[in-house]
Amino acid sequence: MSSESTTTATDDGFDHVIHAPVRLRICAALDPVQEIEFGTLLEVLGVSKSALSKHISVLTDAGYVEQRRAVRDTRQRLWLGLTKTGRSAYQGHVAALRRIVGGS
């Protein structure tokens, strides 16, 4: 588990860490669930393992994603979930995007 850090959002909620397309999609996939397995997220996003790992590392370093390792079906699995800070930052970023495009 990582420690939560300070936010990287601007005053209006726009978050430059989350805004990168793959990271935005990661947060969107994690927002409605408590956690998701790395392999499942890999399939959902259709990116390479190395690309997903890189983006997860950025989100983890920002304090937005936490990782949990657990054994399932005799194999070590990596589970990912948004931290409280990450969920708040993601939702604030989505709200900022809606304001930018004129949505409510």
Protein backbone atom coordinates (compact mmCIF):
# COMPACT_ATOMS: atom_id res chain seq x y z
CA MET A 1 0.00 0.00 0.00
CA SER A 2 1.24 3.45 -0.80
CA SER A 3 0.85 6.51 1.31
CA GLU A 4 -1.46 9.17 0.01
CA SER A 5 0.21 12.37 -1.16
CA THR A 6 -0.99 15.86 -1.83
CA THR A 7 -3.17 16.48 -4.84
CA THR A 8 -1.80 17.44 -8.24
CA ALA A 9 -4.99 19.18 -9.30
CA THR A 10 -5.34 22.83 -10.18
CA ASP A 11 -7.83 25.01 -8.30
CA ASP A 12 -10.57 24.07 -10.76
CA GLY A 13 -10.06 20.31 -10.28
CA PHE A 14 -8.16 19.65 -13.51
CA ASP A 15 -5.49 17.06 -12.68
CA HIS A 16 -2.47 16.73 -14.97
CA VAL A 17 -1.52 13.32 -13.60
CA ILE A 18 -4.95 11.83 -14.27
CA HIS A 19 -5.43 13.62 -17.60
CA ALA A 20 -3.08 11.36 -19.60
CA PRO A 21 -5.44 9.15 -21.66
CA VAL A 22 -4.39 5.76 -20.24
CA ARG A 23 -4.35 7.07 -16.66
CA LEU A 24 -7.78 8.62 -17.17
CA ARG A 25 -9.07 5.26 -18.41
CA ILE A 26 -7.46 3.47 -15.45
CA CYS A 27 -9.20 5.80 -13.01
CA ALA A 28 -12.50 5.43 -14.89
CA ALA A 29 -12.24 1.65 -14.60
CA LEU A 30 -11.35 1.80 -10.90
CA ASP A 31 -13.89 4.42 -9.83
CA PRO A 32 -17.00 2.20 -9.73
CA VAL A 33 -15.28 -0.72 -7.96
CA GLN A 34 -13.35 -1.26 -4.74
CA GLU A 35 -10.49 -2.96 -6.60
CA ILE A 36 -9.70 -4.79 -9.82
CA GLU A 37 -7.10 -7.36 -10.76
CA PHE A 38 -4.17 -6.14 -12.90
CA GLY A 39 -4.88 -8.80 -15.57
CA THR A 40 -8.51 -7.77 -15.84
CA LEU A 41 -7.55 -4.12 -16.17
CA LEU A 42 -5.03 -5.12 -18.83
CA GLU A 43 -7.79 -6.78 -20.86
CA VAL A 44 -10.25 -3.91 -20.39
CA LEU A 45 -7.75 -1.26 -21.51
CA GLY A 46 -6.03 -3.26 -24.26
CA VAL A 47 -2.56 -1.89 -23.50
CA SER A 48 0.74 -3.70 -22.94
CA LYS A 49 1.80 -4.90 -19.49
CA SER A 50 4.72 -2.49 -19.50
CA ALA A 51 2.54 0.50 -20.45
CA LEU A 52 -0.04 -0.35 -17.79
CA SER A 53 2.68 -0.86 -15.16
CA LYS A 54 4.22 2.51 -16.01
CA HIS A 55 0.92 4.36 -15.67
CA ILE A 56 0.01 2.50 -12.47
CA SER A 57 3.39 3.54 -11.02
CA VAL A 58 2.68 7.22 -11.79
CA LEU A 59 -0.76 6.99 -10.16
CA THR A 60 0.68 5.10 -7.16
CA ASP A 61 3.47 7.67 -6.73
CA ALA A 62 0.82 10.42 -6.74
CA GLY A 63 -1.05 8.58 -3.98
CA TYR A 64 -4.04 7.89 -6.22
CA VAL A 65 -3.80 4.10 -6.55
CA GLU A 66 -2.95 1.46 -3.99
CA GLN A 67 -1.75 -2.04 -4.78
CA ARG A 68 -2.45 -5.29 -2.95
CA ARG A 69 -0.85 -8.62 -3.72
CA ALA A 70 -2.80 -11.79 -3.01
CA VAL A 71 -2.71 -15.44 -4.05
CA ARG A 72 -5.58 -16.60 -6.24
CA ASP A 73 -5.73 -19.97 -8.00
CA THR A 74 -2.22 -20.70 -6.66
CA ARG A 75 -0.82 -17.64 -8.43
CA GLN A 76 0.29 -14.31 -7.08
CA ARG A 77 -2.11 -11.60 -8.29
CA LEU A 78 -1.94 -7.82 -8.14
CA TRP A 79 -5.10 -5.98 -7.16
CA LEU A 80 -5.50 -2.25 -7.75
CA GLY A 81 -7.85 0.27 -6.22
CA LEU A 82 -8.26 4.02 -5.99
CA THR A 83 -7.31 5.60 -2.70
CA LYS A 84 -9.71 8.08 -1.14
CA THR A 85 -7.47 10.85 -2.50
CA GLY A 86 -7.43 9.21 -5.94
CA ARG A 87 -11.18 8.83 -6.13
CA SER A 88 -11.67 12.45 -5.10
CA ALA A 89 -9.06 13.65 -7.62
CA TYR A 90 -10.62 11.58 -10.42
CA GLN A 91 -14.12 12.84 -9.70
CA GLY A 92 -12.84 16.42 -9.48
CA HIS A 93 -11.03 15.99 -12.81
CA VAL A 94 -14.16 14.64 -14.50
CA ALA A 95 -16.14 17.61 -13.15
CA ALA A 96 -13.46 19.99 -14.50
CA LEU A 97 -13.64 18.33 -17.92
CA ARG A 98 -17.42 18.71 -17.93
CA ARG A 99 -17.07 22.42 -17.15
CA ILE A 100 -14.52 22.80 -19.97
CA VAL A 101 -16.83 21.21 -22.55
CA GLY A 102 -19.89 23.04 -21.25
CA GLY A 103 -21.65 20.13 -19.54
CA SER A 104 -23.44 20.40 -16.25
